[in-house]
Amino acid sequence: MAGGGEGGGAGSDVVHVVMFPFLAFGHISPFVQLARRLVSGEAAGVRVTFLTAAGIAPRVEAMLESAAGAVRVLPLGLAPVPGLPAGAASTADVSGDGAELLKLALDGTRPEVRALLAELRPDAVLLEFATSWVCDVAAPLGAKVLYFSVFSAVSFAYFTVPARLAGGQPPSALTARDLMVAPAGYPAASPLTSAPPQLQGPALVYPYTSFHGMPCVYDRVVAGVEGSAGIVMKTCREMEGPYIDYISSQFGKPVLLAGPVVPEPPQGELEERWASWLSSFPDDAVVFASFGSETFLPAAAATELLLGLEATGRPFLAVLNFPKGADAAAELEARAPPGFQDRVKGRGLVHTGWVPQQHILRHRSVGCFVNHAGFSSVVEGLVAGCRLVLLPMKGDQYFNAALFARELRVGVEVAQRDDGGFGRGDVADAVAAGVATGGDGDASKWREFFTNEAVQNKFQVDFIRELKKVVRA
């Protein structure tokens, strides 16, 4: 292993891993989950240093609180970028174009990252698409670089394999029509041999589009993977075996599987305001609808969702979030249909902002979880014993929904039009199907799999073994 600095040192069995995710909490969270997993229990002997923007370092430290002794967060200074708001440190602070400018800001940290890695001398560096240049920085130091895909294998395999450019054309030449068909060699048994029709136009070609003269997402991903010693994925062969094999064969790289990284049980008690309201309903009666901190429903979709929840006749708690800077109270009011609040008084709550999701999901009265098919959200809902209703809104979420509902049979998809729209009846029908007898499909099998401590520990032990094998190679 790498010697000198703060690395494991020659002959040491301690592996020092530096993690460097993109500045979006949907990307940071999987790194945090993996970091906590690597330094706990049977994985003792791993130490993690986490690099992130100074402006969000305190929040990342709070996310890593349970692993504070074995994970250190180092803040990076982001240089000013024209057009990027002062103080912006994550995609939660900016618009869509600002997210592109954050990539430029991260590119500007290259000298600081080079100096830190030279000082730390880690054994391994885990990066992702936005910072493929770390491969060039880490190589002279003897650190092994691993590309960590925060996306499911089913979506990564569809969008970012070399077969996408089999004709030799540049990414910018790919059209939406080209992308409606899976790349050559994609698992034939997949229900996604063509892209979901809801992914149209700019959303479909986004990974192959250059902004501000920068390499597109596809080019950054390929550069990061090709410059790495292997690919890390937060999944397992039982769930996505054919897609994992396809990715490995496409890049000619080993794929290290961390397992689904099931979240640890939440600490403490549910706040009284939530516990009191939820406890007023029978077991499994409440529908909880939440779409993560970075998935924002269009106004019309939010209104139809609320009307659909009302139409279920069940008590419900809906969480709707909005981009930073929005007047959340005004936005909520604009989405609530006339008379809605009076009609659902006593059985329906609509909230904006953070909620203790894991605690809520595990409450005895919550029986159904309507979500955006984010990988972590689906696993949290399954582990909590909730029926799942999947309502994807963007990109990889459509692929996750198909994987979970059609292949693994652990959820019901809300019917959507080709433009991604849906109606209140589609929501009510999906909830009814999800909570009906047999509506959980194979969920109990997967719940047992996810909560089997021996199975999860084996993922952890196997991953550490493979990580050490790569580091020592």
Protein backbone atom coordinates (compact mmCIF):
# COMPACT_ATOMS: atom_id res chain seq x y z
CA MET A 1 0.00 0.00 0.00
CA ALA A 2 1.06 3.62 -0.41
CA GLY A 3 3.73 4.69 2.00
CA GLY A 4 4.50 8.01 3.66
CA GLY A 5 2.11 10.83 4.53
CA GLU A 6 -1.08 9.60 6.15
CA GLY A 7 -1.62 6.53 4.01
CA GLY A 8 -1.68 3.02 5.36
CA GLY A 9 2.06 2.70 5.05
CA ALA A 10 4.12 -0.21 3.79
CA GLY A 11 2.97 -3.42 5.39
CA SER A 12 0.08 -1.74 7.14
CA ASP A 13 -3.33 -3.40 7.01
CA VAL A 14 -5.08 -0.05 7.44
CA VAL A 15 -6.49 1.26 4.17
CA HIS A 16 -6.77 5.02 3.83
CA VAL A 17 -9.45 6.03 1.33
CA VAL A 18 -10.08 9.55 0.09
CA MET A 19 -13.62 10.22 -1.18
CA PHE A 20 -14.39 13.10 -3.53
CA PRO A 21 -18.02 13.29 -4.73
CA PHE A 22 -19.73 15.89 -6.90
CA LEU A 23 -21.30 18.80 -5.04
CA ALA A 24 -24.88 17.51 -5.04
CA PHE A 25 -26.38 15.85 -1.99
CA GLY A 26 -27.90 13.16 -4.17
CA HIS A 27 -24.27 12.27 -5.00
CA ILE A 28 -22.76 13.01 -1.58
CA SER A 29 -25.23 10.78 0.29
CA PRO A 30 -24.10 7.48 -1.34
CA PHE A 31 -20.47 8.37 -0.56
CA VAL A 32 -21.45 9.12 3.04
CA GLN A 33 -23.37 5.85 3.32
CA LEU A 34 -20.41 3.91 1.95
CA ALA A 35 -17.95 5.73 4.23
CA ARG A 36 -19.99 4.92 7.31
CA ARG A 37 -20.23 1.31 6.22
CA LEU A 38 -16.51 0.95 5.51
CA VAL A 39 -15.36 2.15 8.92
CA SER A 40 -17.87 0.20 11.02
CA GLY A 41 -18.06 -3.30 12.46
CA GLU A 42 -16.14 -6.00 10.69
CA ALA A 43 -14.66 -3.42 8.33
CA ALA A 44 -12.31 -2.03 10.99
CA GLY A 45 -9.00 -1.12 9.41
CA VAL A 46 -10.39 1.42 6.92
CA ARG A 47 -9.94 5.14 7.38
CA VAL A 48 -11.70 7.74 5.24
CA THR A 49 -10.93 11.33 4.35
CA PHE A 50 -13.81 13.17 2.70
CA LEU A 51 -13.19 16.13 0.37
CA THR A 52 -16.00 18.63 -0.20
CA ALA A 53 -16.65 22.34 -0.59
CA ALA A 54 -16.06 24.44 2.52
CA GLY A 55 -19.59 25.84 2.35
CA ILE A 56 -21.21 22.45 2.91
CA ALA A 57 -18.49 20.79 5.02
CA PRO A 58 -20.46 21.26 8.29
CA ARG A 59 -23.51 19.55 6.80
CA VAL A 60 -21.37 16.68 5.50
CA GLU A 61 -19.76 16.34 8.93
CA ALA A 62 -23.22 16.09 10.48
CA MET A 63 -24.11 13.34 7.99
CA LEU A 64 -20.95 11.50 9.06
CA GLU A 65 -21.42 12.06 12.78
CA SER A 66 -21.77 8.37 13.61
CA ALA A 67 -18.36 7.73 12.02
CA ALA A 68 -16.62 10.88 13.23
CA GLY A 69 -13.65 9.07 14.73
CA ALA A 70 -12.77 7.26 11.51
CA VAL A 71 -13.84 9.80 8.88
CA ARG A 72 -12.32 13.26 8.53
CA VAL A 73 -13.88 15.98 6.37
CA LEU A 74 -11.49 18.38 4.64
CA PRO A 75 -12.99 21.57 3.16
CA LEU A 76 -12.00 22.79 -0.29
CA GLY A 77 -12.07 26.43 -1.33
CA LEU A 78 -14.08 27.04 -4.49
CA ALA A 79 -12.64 29.81 -6.65
CA PRO A 80 -15.14 32.36 -8.04
CA VAL A 81 -16.63 31.39 -11.41
CA PRO A 82 -18.40 34.01 -13.54
CA GLY A 83 -22.13 33.42 -13.30
CA LEU A 84 -21.91 31.24 -10.18
CA PRO A 85 -23.55 32.92 -7.16
CA ALA A 86 -21.12 33.91 -4.42
CA GLY A 87 -21.06 31.29 -1.69
CA ALA A 88 -22.70 28.58 -3.80
CA ALA A 89 -21.33 25.22 -2.64
CA SER A 90 -23.80 22.63 -3.91
CA THR A 91 -26.52 22.15 -6.49
CA ALA A 92 -29.04 23.02 -3.76
CA ASP A 93 -27.76 26.62 -3.99
CA VAL A 94 -28.08 27.10 -7.74
CA SER A 95 -30.21 26.74 -10.86
CA GLY A 96 -29.62 24.16 -13.58
CA ASP A 97 -26.93 26.23 -15.28
CA GLY A 98 -25.35 26.91 -11.91
CA ALA A 99 -24.91 23.17 -11.49
CA GLU A 100 -22.86 23.18 -14.69
CA LEU A 101 -20.75 26.05 -13.34
CA LEU A 102 -20.10 24.06 -10.16
CA LYS A 103 -18.19 21.60 -12.32
CA LEU A 104 -15.93 24.47 -13.39
CA ALA A 105 -15.51 25.44 -9.74
CA LEU A 106 -14.51 21.86 -8.92
CA ASP A 107 -12.06 21.83 -11.83
CA GLY A 108 -10.48 24.88 -10.18
CA THR A 109 -9.69 22.89 -7.02
CA ARG A 110 -7.16 20.75 -8.89
CA PRO A 111 -4.02 22.41 -7.37
CA GLU A 112 -5.47 22.19 -3.85
CA VAL A 113 -6.50 18.55 -4.32
CA ARG A 114 -3.07 17.70 -5.74
CA ALA A 115 -1.41 19.22 -2.66
CA LEU A 116 -3.75 17.44 -0.26
CA LEU A 117 -3.23 14.05 -1.89
CA ALA A 118 0.54 14.57 -1.84
CA GLU A 119 0.31 15.23 1.89
CA LEU A 120 -2.21 12.50 2.72
CA ARG A 121 -0.68 9.78 0.52
CA PRO A 122 -3.90 7.71 0.54
CA ASP A 123 -4.05 4.12 -0.62
CA ALA A 124 -7.14 4.73 -2.75
CA VAL A 125 -9.20 7.63 -4.08
CA LEU A 126 -12.90 7.27 -4.88
CA LEU A 127 -14.10 9.82 -7.40
CA GLU A 128 -17.00 10.24 -9.80
CA PHE A 129 -17.84 11.91 -13.09
CA ALA A 130 -17.12 15.56 -12.28
CA THR A 131 -13.48 15.07 -11.28
CA SER A 132 -11.95 12.58 -13.70
CA TRP A 133 -8.77 14.70 -13.65
CA VAL A 134 -8.01 13.21 -10.21
CA CYS A 135 -6.77 10.13 -12.07
CA ASP A 136 -3.84 12.19 -13.42
CA VAL A 137 -3.20 13.78 -10.04
CA ALA A 138 -3.23 10.53 -8.06
CA ALA A 139 -1.18 8.36 -10.43
CA PRO A 140 2.27 9.81 -9.58
CA LEU A 141 1.52 9.31 -5.87
CA GLY A 142 0.90 5.59 -6.21
CA ALA A 143 -2.73 5.90 -5.05
CA LYS A 144 -5.22 3.62 -6.76
CA VAL A 145 -8.21 5.44 -8.22
CA LEU A 146 -11.65 3.84 -8.21
CA TYR A 147 -14.65 5.26 -10.02
CA PHE A 148 -17.72 5.26 -7.76
CA SER A 149 -21.00 5.26 -9.68
CA VAL A 150 -23.76 6.64 -7.47
CA PHE A 151 -26.35 5.38 -9.97
CA SER A 152 -27.93 1.97 -10.34
CA ALA A 153 -26.19 -0.44 -12.70
CA VAL A 154 -29.28 -0.56 -14.94
CA SER A 155 -29.07 3.17 -15.75
CA PHE A 156 -25.25 3.40 -15.80
CA ALA A 157 -25.18 0.54 -18.30
CA TYR A 158 -27.73 2.23 -20.55
CA PHE A 159 -26.17 5.69 -20.74
CA THR A 160 -22.42 5.61 -20.19
CA VAL A 161 -20.81 2.52 -21.73
CA PRO A 162 -18.40 2.77 -24.72
CA ALA A 163 -20.93 0.97 -26.94
CA ARG A 164 -22.91 4.21 -26.99
CA LEU A 165 -20.34 5.56 -29.46
CA ALA A 166 -19.81 2.36 -31.40
CA GLY A 167 -20.06 4.29 -34.67
CA GLY A 168 -17.13 6.51 -33.74
CA GLN A 169 -19.23 9.68 -33.66
CA PRO A 170 -18.70 12.32 -30.93
CA PRO A 171 -21.22 12.35 -28.08
CA SER A 172 -22.71 15.60 -29.38
CA ALA A 173 -23.79 13.77 -32.56
CA LEU A 174 -26.11 11.43 -30.66
CA THR A 175 -29.76 12.26 -31.11
CA ALA A 176 -32.74 11.48 -28.91
CA ARG A 177 -33.75 8.87 -31.48
CA ASP A 178 -30.33 7.18 -31.15
CA LEU A 179 -30.74 7.09 -27.39
CA MET A 180 -34.19 5.57 -27.41
CA VAL A 181 -32.51 2.25 -28.22
CA ALA A 182 -30.27 0.47 -25.72
CA PRO A 183 -26.55 0.21 -26.61
CA ALA A 184 -25.28 -2.91 -28.35
CA GLY A 185 -24.95 -5.85 -25.99
CA TYR A 186 -27.30 -4.43 -23.33
CA PRO A 187 -28.96 -7.33 -21.45
CA ALA A 188 -31.66 -8.58 -23.80
CA ALA A 189 -33.95 -9.72 -20.98
CA SER A 190 -34.14 -6.20 -19.55
CA PRO A 191 -37.49 -4.39 -19.64
CA LEU A 192 -35.50 -1.31 -20.67
CA THR A 193 -34.11 -2.21 -24.07
CA SER A 194 -35.54 1.16 -25.07
CA ALA A 195 -35.63 4.33 -23.01
CA PRO A 196 -38.83 5.20 -21.15
CA PRO A 197 -40.86 7.53 -23.38
CA GLN A 198 -41.00 10.08 -20.54
CA LEU A 199 -37.31 10.74 -21.17
CA GLN A 200 -37.46 13.03 -24.16
CA GLY A 201 -35.40 15.71 -25.89
CA PRO A 202 -32.97 17.62 -23.64
CA ALA A 203 -33.40 15.22 -20.71
CA LEU A 204 -32.32 12.28 -22.83
CA VAL A 205 -29.36 13.96 -24.57
CA TYR A 206 -28.15 15.85 -21.49
CA PRO A 207 -25.29 13.42 -20.64
CA TYR A 208 -23.87 13.97 -24.14
CA THR A 209 -24.24 17.77 -24.22
CA SER A 210 -21.33 20.13 -23.54
CA PHE A 211 -21.87 23.25 -21.44
CA HIS A 212 -19.49 26.22 -21.19
CA GLY A 213 -16.99 24.43 -23.39
CA MET A 214 -16.51 21.68 -20.79
CA PRO A 215 -16.41 17.94 -21.50
CA CYS A 216 -19.92 16.50 -21.35
CA VAL A 217 -20.99 14.12 -18.58
CA TYR A 218 -20.44 11.09 -20.83
CA ASP A 219 -16.84 12.12 -21.61
CA ARG A 220 -16.12 12.79 -17.94
CA VAL A 221 -17.53 9.42 -16.90
CA VAL A 222 -15.56 7.49 -19.51
CA ALA A 223 -12.34 9.36 -18.67
CA GLY A 224 -12.85 8.64 -14.97
CA VAL A 225 -13.53 4.95 -15.49
CA GLU A 226 -10.73 4.44 -18.02
CA GLY A 227 -8.25 6.17 -15.69
CA SER A 228 -9.27 4.05 -12.74
CA ALA A 229 -8.31 0.62 -11.45
CA GLY A 230 -11.94 -0.43 -11.15
CA ILE A 231 -15.55 0.62 -10.68
CA VAL A 232 -17.36 0.73 -7.33
CA MET A 233 -21.14 0.28 -7.31
CA LYS A 234 -23.61 0.45 -4.44
CA THR A 235 -25.57 -2.58 -5.57
CA CYS A 236 -25.27 -6.36 -5.67
CA ARG A 237 -25.31 -9.21 -8.13
CA GLU A 238 -28.58 -10.54 -6.74
CA MET A 239 -30.31 -7.30 -7.83
CA GLU A 240 -28.46 -6.26 -11.00
CA GLY A 241 -26.18 -9.11 -12.07
CA PRO A 242 -26.61 -8.88 -15.88
CA TYR A 243 -26.05 -5.10 -15.88
CA ILE A 244 -22.95 -5.41 -13.69
CA ASP A 245 -21.45 -8.00 -16.04
CA TYR A 246 -22.23 -5.80 -19.04
CA ILE A 247 -20.52 -2.76 -17.47
CA SER A 248 -17.44 -4.80 -16.55
CA SER A 249 -17.13 -6.26 -20.06
CA GLN A 250 -17.64 -2.87 -21.70
CA PHE A 251 -14.86 -1.15 -19.77
CA GLY A 252 -12.63 -4.16 -19.15
CA LYS A 253 -12.49 -3.21 -15.47
CA PRO A 254 -13.35 -5.10 -12.30
CA VAL A 255 -16.56 -3.99 -10.57
CA LEU A 256 -16.36 -3.89 -6.78
CA LEU A 257 -19.79 -4.33 -5.22
CA ALA A 258 -20.49 -2.62 -1.93
CA GLY A 259 -23.96 -4.13 -1.70
CA PRO A 260 -27.11 -1.99 -1.45
CA VAL A 261 -25.68 -0.32 1.70
CA VAL A 262 -28.81 -0.57 3.81
CA PRO A 263 -29.17 2.50 6.05
CA GLU A 264 -28.56 2.12 9.76
CA PRO A 265 -31.66 2.32 11.96
CA PRO A 266 -32.45 5.95 12.87
CA GLN A 267 -31.23 7.22 16.21
CA GLY A 268 -33.45 8.77 18.88
CA GLU A 269 -37.20 9.18 18.84
CA LEU A 270 -39.61 10.65 16.31
CA GLU A 271 -40.47 14.27 17.13
CA GLU A 272 -43.69 14.66 19.09
CA ARG A 273 -45.45 16.71 16.40
CA TRP A 274 -45.07 13.85 13.90
CA ALA A 275 -45.50 11.00 16.38
CA SER A 276 -48.69 12.45 17.81
CA TRP A 277 -50.34 12.95 14.42
CA LEU A 278 -49.26 9.58 12.99
CA SER A 279 -50.30 7.72 16.12
CA SER A 280 -53.90 8.88 15.68
CA PHE A 281 -54.32 6.45 12.76
CA PRO A 282 -54.53 2.64 12.59
CA ASP A 283 -51.58 0.45 11.63
CA ASP A 284 -50.51 0.74 7.97
CA ALA A 285 -53.22 3.32 7.19
CA VAL A 286 -51.08 6.36 6.29
CA VAL A 287 -49.66 7.09 2.84
CA PHE A 288 -46.34 8.96 3.02
CA ALA A 289 -45.29 10.80 -0.15
CA SER A 290 -41.80 12.26 -0.40
CA PHE A 291 -39.45 12.89 -3.31
CA GLY A 292 -36.07 13.68 -1.78
CA SER A 293 -34.40 17.03 -1.34
CA GLU A 294 -33.47 17.59 -5.00
CA THR A 295 -36.48 16.33 -6.97
CA PHE A 296 -39.00 19.10 -7.48
CA LEU A 297 -42.42 18.30 -8.89
CA PRO A 298 -43.77 20.71 -11.53
CA ALA A 299 -46.76 22.70 -10.26
CA ALA A 300 -49.36 20.74 -12.23
CA ALA A 301 -47.84 17.41 -11.14
CA ALA A 302 -47.85 18.46 -7.48
CA THR A 303 -51.51 19.42 -7.71
CA GLU A 304 -52.46 16.09 -9.30
CA LEU A 305 -50.44 14.26 -6.65
CA LEU A 306 -52.33 15.99 -3.84
CA LEU A 307 -55.69 15.34 -5.48
CA GLY A 308 -54.67 11.72 -6.02
CA LEU A 309 -53.74 11.31 -2.36
CA GLU A 310 -57.05 12.85 -1.39
CA ALA A 311 -58.86 10.43 -3.70
CA THR A 312 -57.34 7.40 -1.93
CA GLY A 313 -59.56 8.12 1.05
CA ARG A 314 -56.58 7.36 3.27
CA PRO A 315 -54.74 9.61 5.71
CA PHE A 316 -51.58 10.99 4.12
CA LEU A 317 -48.47 13.06 4.71
CA ALA A 318 -47.03 14.69 1.59
CA VAL A 319 -43.66 16.43 1.49
CA LEU A 320 -43.08 18.87 -1.37
CA ASN A 321 -39.80 20.74 -1.71
CA PHE A 322 -38.79 23.66 -3.90
CA PRO A 323 -35.54 25.13 -5.26
CA LYS A 324 -33.54 27.32 -2.90
CA GLY A 325 -34.81 30.90 -2.81
CA ALA A 326 -38.41 29.97 -3.56
CA ASP A 327 -41.16 31.19 -1.23
CA ALA A 328 -42.14 27.73 0.00
CA ALA A 329 -45.39 28.84 1.65
CA ALA A 330 -46.53 30.64 -1.50
CA GLU A 331 -45.50 27.70 -3.69
CA LEU A 332 -47.47 25.27 -1.53
CA GLU A 333 -50.53 27.49 -1.59
CA ALA A 334 -50.36 27.73 -5.37
CA ARG A 335 -50.35 23.94 -5.69
CA ALA A 336 -53.19 23.23 -3.26
CA PRO A 337 -56.48 22.95 -5.21
CA PRO A 338 -59.44 25.12 -4.11
CA GLY A 339 -61.02 23.73 -0.97
CA PHE A 340 -58.34 21.06 -0.61
CA GLN A 341 -57.21 21.99 2.90
CA ASP A 342 -60.76 21.95 4.24
CA ARG A 343 -61.58 18.62 2.59
CA VAL A 344 -58.53 16.80 3.99
CA LYS A 345 -58.46 18.50 7.38
CA GLY A 346 -57.64 15.96 10.05
CA ARG A 347 -56.38 13.28 7.67
CA GLY A 348 -54.01 15.02 5.27
CA LEU A 349 -50.84 17.05 5.92
CA VAL A 350 -48.69 18.82 3.32
CA HIS A 351 -45.22 19.89 4.45
CA THR A 352 -42.17 21.52 2.91
CA GLY A 353 -38.64 21.14 4.21
CA TRP A 354 -36.73 18.36 5.89
CA VAL A 355 -38.55 15.53 7.65
CA PRO A 356 -37.16 12.54 9.60
CA GLN A 357 -37.94 10.17 6.75
CA GLN A 358 -36.59 6.95 8.24
CA HIS A 359 -38.46 7.51 11.51
CA ILE A 360 -41.69 8.27 9.64
CA LEU A 361 -41.36 5.22 7.39
CA ARG A 362 -40.90 2.98 10.42
CA HIS A 363 -43.93 4.34 12.28
CA ARG A 364 -46.58 1.65 12.74
CA SER A 365 -49.30 3.74 11.03
CA VAL A 366 -47.34 4.30 7.79
CA GLY A 367 -48.09 1.54 5.30
CA CYS A 368 -47.43 3.02 1.86
CA PHE A 369 -44.53 5.11 0.55
CA VAL A 370 -44.98 7.14 -2.65
CA ASN A 371 -41.52 8.18 -3.85
CA HIS A 372 -39.38 9.14 -6.85
CA ALA A 373 -37.64 5.75 -7.15
CA GLY A 374 -34.35 7.07 -5.78
CA PHE A 375 -32.29 3.97 -4.99
CA SER A 376 -31.77 4.84 -1.32
CA SER A 377 -35.41 5.85 -0.81
CA VAL A 378 -36.66 2.54 -2.22
CA VAL A 379 -34.33 0.56 0.06
CA GLU A 380 -35.39 2.66 3.08
CA GLY A 381 -39.05 2.03 2.31
CA LEU A 382 -38.53 -1.69 1.83
CA VAL A 383 -36.56 -2.10 5.04
CA ALA A 384 -39.27 -0.18 6.92
CA GLY A 385 -41.91 -2.61 5.66
CA CYS A 386 -43.87 -0.12 3.52
CA ARG A 387 -45.68 -0.86 0.27
CA LEU A 388 -43.98 1.10 -2.51
CA VAL A 389 -45.55 3.34 -5.16
CA LEU A 390 -42.97 4.66 -7.62
CA LEU A 391 -43.37 8.02 -9.36
CA PRO A 392 -40.09 8.84 -11.15
CA MET A 393 -39.49 12.41 -12.28
CA LYS A 394 -36.13 12.42 -14.06
CA GLY A 395 -33.22 10.50 -15.57
CA ASP A 396 -32.11 7.41 -13.73
CA GLN A 397 -35.28 7.35 -11.62
CA TYR A 398 -37.24 5.91 -14.57
CA PHE A 399 -34.71 3.09 -14.84
CA ASN A 400 -34.81 2.45 -11.10
CA ALA A 401 -38.60 2.29 -11.18
CA ALA A 402 -38.54 -0.28 -13.97
CA LEU A 403 -35.88 -2.34 -12.17
CA PHE A 404 -37.73 -2.43 -8.87
CA ALA A 405 -41.29 -2.75 -10.16
CA ARG A 406 -40.85 -4.94 -13.25
CA GLU A 407 -37.74 -7.02 -12.51
CA LEU A 408 -37.59 -7.27 -8.73
CA ARG A 409 -41.37 -6.89 -8.24
CA VAL A 410 -41.20 -4.69 -5.17
CA GLY A 411 -43.39 -1.75 -6.12
CA VAL A 412 -46.14 -0.35 -8.29
CA GLU A 413 -45.40 2.33 -10.89
CA VAL A 414 -47.77 5.28 -11.29
CA ALA A 415 -49.01 5.30 -14.90
CA GLN A 416 -47.52 8.28 -16.75
CA ARG A 417 -48.14 9.78 -20.15
CA ASP A 418 -45.32 9.92 -22.69
CA ASP A 419 -44.64 13.53 -21.61
CA GLY A 420 -44.21 12.38 -17.99
CA GLY A 421 -47.55 13.79 -16.86
CA PHE A 422 -50.05 11.88 -14.77
CA GLY A 423 -53.48 12.41 -13.27
CA ARG A 424 -54.98 12.16 -9.82
CA GLY A 425 -56.63 8.87 -10.81
CA ASP A 426 -53.25 7.39 -11.74
CA VAL A 427 -51.95 8.16 -8.25
CA ALA A 428 -55.04 6.79 -6.50
CA ASP A 429 -55.03 3.64 -8.66
CA ALA A 430 -51.34 2.97 -7.96
CA VAL A 431 -51.81 3.37 -4.21
CA ALA A 432 -54.82 1.07 -4.30
CA ALA A 433 -52.83 -1.55 -6.22
CA GLY A 434 -49.85 -1.17 -3.91
CA VAL A 435 -51.77 -1.68 -0.68
CA ALA A 436 -54.04 -4.44 -2.03
CA THR A 437 -53.50 -8.05 -1.00
CA GLY A 438 -50.51 -9.24 -3.02
CA GLY A 439 -49.61 -5.68 -3.98
CA ASP A 440 -46.21 -6.03 -2.36
CA GLY A 441 -45.09 -8.67 -4.90
CA ASP A 442 -41.72 -10.04 -3.83
CA ALA A 443 -41.09 -7.24 -1.32
CA SER A 444 -41.01 -9.58 1.68
CA LYS A 445 -38.25 -11.63 0.04
CA TRP A 446 -36.14 -8.54 -0.62
CA ARG A 447 -36.90 -7.08 2.80
CA GLU A 448 -35.54 -10.25 4.39
CA PHE A 449 -32.49 -10.03 2.13
CA PHE A 450 -31.80 -6.38 3.02
CA THR A 451 -32.26 -6.89 6.75
CA ASN A 452 -30.27 -10.12 7.03
CA GLU A 453 -27.28 -9.03 9.04
CA ALA A 454 -25.11 -11.92 7.88
CA VAL A 455 -25.81 -11.08 4.21
CA GLN A 456 -25.05 -7.38 4.69
CA ASN A 457 -21.88 -8.13 6.67
CA LYS A 458 -20.71 -10.41 3.88
CA PHE A 459 -21.11 -7.57 1.36
CA GLN A 460 -18.98 -5.43 3.65
CA VAL A 461 -16.25 -8.04 4.19
CA ASP A 462 -16.11 -8.99 0.51
CA PHE A 463 -15.88 -5.37 -0.57
CA ILE A 464 -13.03 -4.63 1.84
CA ARG A 465 -11.20 -7.72 0.61
CA GLU A 466 -11.57 -6.63 -3.03
CA LEU A 467 -10.56 -3.07 -2.17
CA LYS A 468 -7.37 -4.30 -0.51
CA LYS A 469 -6.67 -6.54 -3.50
CA VAL A 470 -6.85 -3.51 -5.83
CA VAL A 471 -4.70 -1.38 -3.52
CA ARG A 472 -2.01 -4.05 -3.29
CA ALA A 473 -1.93 -4.88 -6.99
